[in-house]
Amino acid sequence: MDLRLLVGLGNPGPRYVDTRHNVGFMALERLAACEAAAFRSQTRLQGLLAEIGTGPDRLRLLMPQTYMNESGRSIRAALDWFRLSPAQLLVLVDDMDLPLGRLRLRASGSAGGHNGLRSTIQHLGTQEFARLRIGIGAPAEQPAERRERTVSHVLGRFSGEERPVVDAMLEEVLAGVDLIRRQGLERAGNRLNSFRAPVPAS
């Protein structure tokens, strides 16, 4: 995979910092910090942009500032501006259907009920782009209770007990991105899709 644009999904502003819905932002911020890269506001892209590497190895990191439901507008603008195709894109996104500490890499697929992916599919006109789903767990098992608590769950922050799991998961995301760039989606998927973050002893 010729990965050129790495997008983390989330909501802008201090109100949403470190919430479960923003775990895509958290992954990009960690990667940028590791590479001593800084995010800068790009009005034309409706997002914050950082770059790591140079020349043919350059990877652009994008955090849309459109709010989750309109993420696709920013991603479309970035692909157009940098003359990239959806095949050069990887989206990092939270997933309530995955247990906390689990990851799932896919080369394509539906939105799976996620508004950020739904917007991305709508604006790109295709489901054929890679996405790495980052498990945040569900608020409840019963469907009715789950629906009732979804918003407060995804917009809530990780607990102190969850933080070590989140840290391990984000470190694996960064390792996975590196593996995707070096060896491709399939090899990376073999590792990422079998990953289990260690759950702290109760």
Protein backbone atom coordinates (compact mmCIF):
# COMPACT_ATOMS: atom_id res chain seq x y z
CA MET A 1 0.00 0.00 0.00
CA ASP A 2 1.32 3.41 -0.99
CA LEU A 3 0.08 5.13 2.19
CA ARG A 4 0.20 8.93 1.83
CA LEU A 5 -2.64 10.25 3.97
CA LEU A 6 -3.38 9.07 7.50
CA VAL A 7 -6.62 10.45 8.92
CA GLY A 8 -7.78 10.26 12.52
CA LEU A 9 -11.47 10.86 13.14
CA GLY A 10 -12.78 12.86 16.08
CA ASN A 11 -14.48 16.06 17.20
CA PRO A 12 -12.63 19.39 17.52
CA GLY A 13 -12.31 21.52 20.63
CA PRO A 14 -11.37 21.05 24.31
CA ARG A 15 -14.76 19.59 25.21
CA TYR A 16 -13.94 16.41 23.28
CA VAL A 17 -10.26 15.96 24.14
CA ASP A 18 -9.43 12.38 25.19
CA THR A 19 -13.00 11.14 24.69
CA ARG A 20 -13.56 7.66 23.28
CA HIS A 21 -14.89 9.10 20.01
CA ASN A 22 -11.57 10.94 19.59
CA VAL A 23 -9.28 7.93 19.81
CA GLY A 24 -8.36 8.49 16.14
CA PHE A 25 -7.11 11.98 17.04
CA MET A 26 -5.23 10.49 20.01
CA ALA A 27 -3.36 8.08 17.74
CA LEU A 28 -2.29 10.84 15.34
CA GLU A 29 -1.20 13.11 18.18
CA ARG A 30 0.95 10.32 19.57
CA LEU A 31 2.52 9.63 16.17
CA ALA A 32 3.22 13.33 15.58
CA ALA A 33 4.81 13.64 19.04
CA CYS A 34 7.06 10.64 18.35
CA GLU A 35 8.21 12.27 15.11
CA ALA A 36 8.48 15.81 16.57
CA ALA A 37 5.91 17.01 14.03
CA ALA A 38 3.48 19.85 14.71
CA PHE A 39 -0.14 20.16 13.59
CA ARG A 40 -1.13 23.36 11.87
CA SER A 41 -4.57 24.60 10.89
CA GLN A 42 -5.25 24.31 7.16
CA THR A 43 -8.38 26.22 6.22
CA ARG A 44 -8.54 24.77 2.73
CA LEU A 45 -8.56 21.27 4.21
CA GLN A 46 -10.95 22.10 7.06
CA GLY A 47 -8.54 20.34 9.37
CA LEU A 48 -5.24 20.20 11.23
CA LEU A 49 -2.31 18.85 9.24
CA ALA A 50 1.13 17.53 10.19
CA GLU A 51 3.76 15.90 8.00
CA ILE A 52 6.37 13.28 8.80
CA GLY A 53 9.14 12.19 6.48
CA THR A 54 10.23 13.89 3.27
CA GLY A 55 9.98 13.33 -0.45
CA PRO A 56 8.60 9.92 -1.45
CA ASP A 57 8.47 8.88 2.23
CA ARG A 58 6.28 11.81 3.30
CA LEU A 59 3.15 10.90 5.22
CA ARG A 60 0.51 13.50 5.91
CA LEU A 61 -1.52 13.32 9.13
CA LEU A 62 -4.97 14.91 9.05
CA MET A 63 -7.41 15.61 11.89
CA PRO A 64 -10.66 16.95 10.35
CA GLN A 65 -12.10 19.90 12.28
CA THR A 66 -15.57 19.53 10.77
CA TYR A 67 -17.06 17.46 13.61
CA MET A 68 -17.44 13.74 13.17
CA ASN A 69 -20.57 13.76 11.02
CA GLU A 70 -18.88 15.85 8.30
CA SER A 71 -15.42 14.23 8.35
CA GLY A 72 -15.69 13.31 4.69
CA ARG A 73 -15.59 16.96 3.57
CA SER A 74 -12.11 17.42 5.04
CA ILE A 75 -10.84 14.08 3.72
CA ARG A 76 -12.15 14.82 0.22
CA ALA A 77 -10.48 18.24 0.29
CA ALA A 78 -7.14 16.72 1.35
CA LEU A 79 -7.21 14.01 -1.32
CA ASP A 80 -7.99 16.62 -3.97
CA TRP A 81 -5.39 19.13 -2.75
CA PHE A 82 -2.56 16.58 -2.59
CA ARG A 83 -3.76 14.73 -5.71
CA LEU A 84 -4.13 11.44 -3.91
CA SER A 85 -6.54 8.55 -4.42
CA PRO A 86 -8.64 6.73 -1.79
CA ALA A 87 -6.23 3.80 -2.24
CA GLN A 88 -3.53 5.96 -0.56
CA LEU A 89 -5.70 6.69 2.48
CA LEU A 90 -5.96 5.05 5.90
CA VAL A 91 -8.65 6.18 8.36
CA LEU A 92 -8.26 5.60 12.11
CA VAL A 93 -11.65 5.35 13.76
CA ASP A 94 -13.20 4.34 17.08
CA ASP A 95 -15.40 1.24 17.10
CA MET A 96 -17.96 0.51 19.80
CA ASP A 97 -18.54 -2.99 18.43
CA LEU A 98 -14.95 -3.98 19.23
CA PRO A 99 -13.92 -4.61 22.83
CA LEU A 100 -11.52 -2.12 24.33
CA GLY A 101 -8.00 -3.19 23.42
CA ARG A 102 -8.87 -4.82 20.09
CA LEU A 103 -8.06 -3.57 16.58
CA ARG A 104 -9.43 -4.43 13.16
CA LEU A 105 -7.79 -3.48 9.87
CA ARG A 106 -9.82 -3.69 6.66
CA ALA A 107 -9.06 -2.66 3.08
CA SER A 108 -12.66 -1.57 2.48
CA GLY A 109 -16.17 -1.95 3.84
CA SER A 110 -19.36 -0.27 4.97
CA ALA A 111 -19.71 2.47 7.57
CA GLY A 112 -20.88 -0.06 10.15
CA GLY A 113 -23.09 2.55 11.78
CA HIS A 114 -20.23 5.04 12.29
CA ASN A 115 -21.13 8.58 11.23
CA GLY A 116 -17.56 9.55 10.42
CA LEU A 117 -17.12 6.62 8.07
CA ARG A 118 -20.56 7.23 6.60
CA SER A 119 -19.58 10.81 5.75
CA THR A 120 -16.25 9.65 4.30
CA ILE A 121 -17.95 7.09 2.05
CA GLN A 122 -20.49 9.71 0.94
CA HIS A 123 -17.86 12.33 0.00
CA LEU A 124 -15.42 9.89 -1.59
CA GLY A 125 -18.15 8.06 -3.47
CA THR A 126 -16.60 4.70 -2.57
CA GLN A 127 -16.13 2.22 0.28
CA GLU A 128 -12.76 1.20 -1.17
CA PHE A 129 -10.41 2.80 1.33
CA ALA A 130 -8.53 1.25 4.24
CA ARG A 131 -9.67 1.79 7.79
CA LEU A 132 -8.27 0.72 11.14
CA ARG A 133 -11.01 0.36 13.73
CA ILE A 134 -9.90 0.96 17.32
CA GLY A 135 -12.01 -0.84 19.92
CA ILE A 136 -13.57 1.31 22.63
CA GLY A 137 -16.09 -1.25 23.88
CA ALA A 138 -19.86 -0.91 24.23
CA PRO A 139 -21.67 0.76 27.14
CA ALA A 140 -24.00 -2.21 27.66
CA GLU A 141 -24.93 -5.59 26.21
CA GLN A 142 -28.71 -5.14 26.07
CA PRO A 143 -29.68 -3.33 22.82
CA ALA A 144 -32.11 -0.89 24.47
CA GLU A 145 -29.68 0.11 27.20
CA ARG A 146 -26.87 0.30 24.69
CA ARG A 147 -28.83 2.74 22.50
CA GLU A 148 -29.73 4.86 25.51
CA ARG A 149 -26.12 5.13 26.69
CA THR A 150 -24.28 5.34 23.34
CA VAL A 151 -23.85 9.12 23.20
CA SER A 152 -22.64 9.47 26.78
CA HIS A 153 -20.31 6.51 26.25
CA VAL A 154 -18.57 7.69 23.07
CA LEU A 155 -18.35 11.28 24.31
CA GLY A 156 -17.07 10.17 27.71
CA ARG A 157 -13.42 9.88 28.71
CA PHE A 158 -11.51 6.71 29.39
CA SER A 159 -11.30 5.75 33.05
CA GLY A 160 -8.04 5.49 34.97
CA GLU A 161 -8.28 1.71 34.80
CA GLU A 162 -8.72 1.85 31.02
CA ARG A 163 -5.79 4.17 30.33
CA PRO A 164 -3.05 1.47 30.32
CA VAL A 165 -5.13 -0.53 27.82
CA VAL A 166 -5.60 2.56 25.66
CA ASP A 167 -1.86 3.32 25.77
CA ALA A 168 -0.98 -0.23 24.71
CA MET A 169 -3.57 -0.10 21.95
CA LEU A 170 -2.29 3.23 20.59
CA GLU A 171 1.29 1.99 20.61
CA GLU A 172 0.15 -0.99 18.54
CA VAL A 173 -1.65 1.36 16.13
CA LEU A 174 1.61 3.23 15.55
CA ALA A 175 3.49 -0.02 15.03
CA GLY A 176 0.75 -1.10 12.64
CA VAL A 177 0.98 2.07 10.57
CA ASP A 178 4.72 1.53 10.23
CA LEU A 179 4.13 -2.08 9.19
CA ILE A 180 1.51 -1.06 6.62
CA ARG A 181 4.01 1.34 5.05
CA ARG A 182 6.81 -1.23 4.96
CA GLN A 183 5.00 -4.51 4.21
CA GLY A 184 1.45 -3.72 3.14
CA LEU A 185 -2.07 -4.15 4.47
CA GLU A 186 -2.24 -7.93 4.49
CA ARG A 187 0.91 -8.44 6.58
CA ALA A 188 -0.09 -5.65 8.93
CA GLY A 189 -3.58 -7.06 9.24
CA ASN A 190 -2.23 -10.42 10.37
CA ARG A 191 -0.62 -8.69 13.32
CA LEU A 192 -3.18 -6.01 14.14
CA ASN A 193 -6.26 -8.20 13.91
CA SER A 194 -4.83 -10.69 16.38
CA PHE A 195 -3.72 -8.02 18.87
CA ARG A 196 -5.11 -8.11 22.41
CA ALA A 197 -4.10 -5.28 24.72
CA PRO A 198 -3.30 -6.58 28.21
CA VAL A 199 -6.20 -5.94 30.56
CA PRO A 200 -5.06 -4.73 33.99
CA ALA A 201 -5.72 -7.07 36.90
CA SER A 202 -8.82 -6.17 38.85
